[in-house]
Amino acid sequence: MKKSEIRFSIALDEQKIPEAISWSATDAGADIHFAKAMNISIWDREERGTMKIDLWTKDMPVDEMKRFYVDMIGSMAEGIVAATNDEFMGAKLRALGKELAQHVEQEERGQR
């Protein structure tokens, strides 16, 4: 069986606030990639619940953080349809993502 690894490295300041996030993966070549935010969700089948890690660097702008979350909602819509074929849930998530994207765009234009 083939195995792949994903490694994350988080550089913290004196107050233990993330300053830098980097990651590498065996299937992504030898390069180290950098990010301003990460969100990892893992389903614990014994506890029947989600374990989450949400981290962002202190230089992550608020507007980019909002876009990050809107993008994650879109990814969840695609994922739920691919994993369960539940088009209803996918449509609801897509609609929420569209509504929030419009909200963010209005904020960026200063219309709120």
Protein backbone atom coordinates (compact mmCIF):
# COMPACT_ATOMS: atom_id res chain seq x y z
CA MET A 1 0.00 0.00 0.00
CA LYS A 2 1.28 3.43 -0.96
CA LYS A 3 1.50 5.98 1.85
CA SER A 4 1.67 9.75 1.65
CA GLU A 5 2.61 12.24 4.33
CA ILE A 6 1.65 15.85 4.86
CA ARG A 7 3.73 17.84 7.33
CA PHE A 8 2.91 21.19 8.85
CA SER A 9 5.33 23.52 10.59
CA ILE A 10 4.08 26.43 12.68
CA ALA A 11 6.47 29.18 13.79
CA LEU A 12 5.21 30.91 16.95
CA ASP A 13 6.11 34.24 18.51
CA GLU A 14 6.81 34.74 22.22
CA GLN A 15 3.06 34.79 22.97
CA LYS A 16 2.60 31.53 21.02
CA ILE A 17 0.77 33.28 18.17
CA PRO A 18 1.52 31.83 14.71
CA GLU A 19 3.95 33.94 12.69
CA ALA A 20 4.42 31.51 9.82
CA ILE A 21 2.76 28.36 8.54
CA SER A 22 4.55 26.05 6.14
CA TRP A 23 3.74 22.63 4.81
CA SER A 24 5.14 19.92 2.60
CA ALA A 25 3.73 16.71 1.21
CA THR A 26 5.36 13.63 -0.22
CA ASP A 27 3.07 13.86 -3.27
CA ALA A 28 3.72 17.60 -3.80
CA GLY A 29 7.43 17.41 -4.56
CA ALA A 30 10.26 18.58 -2.36
CA ASP A 31 9.11 22.19 -2.14
CA ILE A 32 8.00 23.79 1.10
CA HIS A 33 4.77 25.74 0.71
CA PHE A 34 3.72 28.70 2.84
CA ALA A 35 0.24 29.69 4.00
CA LYS A 36 -1.37 32.41 6.08
CA ALA A 37 -4.14 30.16 7.42
CA MET A 38 -5.08 26.51 7.73
CA ASN A 39 -8.18 24.58 8.72
CA ILE A 40 -8.00 20.86 9.35
CA SER A 41 -11.03 18.77 10.28
CA ILE A 42 -10.73 15.11 11.24
CA TRP A 43 -13.68 12.81 11.91
CA ASP A 44 -13.16 10.78 15.07
CA ARG A 45 -15.16 7.64 14.39
CA GLU A 46 -15.06 6.45 18.00
CA GLU A 47 -16.27 9.76 19.43
CA ARG A 48 -18.47 10.38 16.38
CA GLY A 49 -17.35 13.97 16.29
CA THR A 50 -15.02 16.36 14.55
CA MET A 51 -11.59 17.36 15.80
CA LYS A 52 -10.49 20.69 14.33
CA ILE A 53 -7.36 22.74 14.05
CA ASP A 54 -7.82 26.36 12.94
CA LEU A 55 -4.68 28.46 12.74
CA TRP A 56 -3.82 31.72 11.05
CA THR A 57 -0.81 33.99 11.11
CA LYS A 58 -0.98 37.36 12.76
CA ASP A 59 -0.46 39.03 9.37
CA MET A 60 -3.54 37.37 7.82
CA PRO A 61 -5.79 40.26 6.72
CA VAL A 62 -9.44 40.10 7.79
CA ASP A 63 -10.70 40.31 4.18
CA GLU A 64 -8.53 37.35 3.17
CA MET A 65 -9.74 35.39 6.21
CA LYS A 66 -13.33 35.95 5.14
CA ARG A 67 -12.52 34.80 1.58
CA PHE A 68 -10.77 31.76 3.03
CA TYR A 69 -13.94 30.76 4.88
CA VAL A 70 -16.14 31.40 1.83
CA ASP A 71 -13.82 29.17 -0.22
CA MET A 72 -14.03 26.45 2.44
CA ILE A 73 -17.83 26.50 2.25
CA GLY A 74 -17.59 25.99 -1.52
CA SER A 75 -15.18 23.12 -0.98
CA MET A 76 -17.54 21.57 1.57
CA ALA A 77 -20.37 21.78 -0.98
CA GLU A 78 -18.28 19.90 -3.55
CA GLY A 79 -17.07 17.41 -0.95
CA ILE A 80 -20.49 16.51 0.46
CA VAL A 81 -21.85 15.84 -3.03
CA ALA A 82 -18.81 13.76 -4.01
CA ALA A 83 -18.84 11.79 -0.75
CA THR A 84 -22.59 11.26 -0.27
CA ASN A 85 -24.29 12.28 -3.53
CA ASP A 86 -26.52 14.55 -1.39
CA GLU A 87 -27.36 17.30 -3.88
CA PHE A 88 -29.68 19.03 -1.37
CA MET A 89 -26.86 19.62 1.12
CA GLY A 90 -24.54 20.64 -1.70
CA ALA A 91 -27.05 23.17 -3.01
CA LYS A 92 -27.62 24.63 0.46
CA LEU A 93 -23.88 25.04 1.03
CA ARG A 94 -23.38 26.56 -2.44
CA ALA A 95 -26.20 29.05 -1.76
CA LEU A 96 -24.66 30.00 1.58
CA GLY A 97 -21.26 30.42 -0.06
CA LYS A 98 -22.75 32.63 -2.76
CA GLU A 99 -24.57 34.77 -0.18
CA LEU A 100 -21.44 35.19 1.93
CA ALA A 101 -19.30 35.95 -1.15
CA GLN A 102 -21.72 38.75 -2.05
CA HIS A 103 -21.53 40.06 1.52
CA VAL A 104 -17.72 40.10 1.40
CA GLU A 105 -17.74 41.83 -2.01
CA GLN A 106 -20.13 44.50 -0.70
CA GLU A 107 -17.90 45.07 2.31
CA GLU A 108 -14.87 45.42 0.05
CA ARG A 109 -16.71 48.02 -2.04
CA GLY A 110 -17.65 49.88 1.14
CA GLN A 111 -21.37 49.45 0.63
CA ARG A 112 -22.11 48.16 4.12
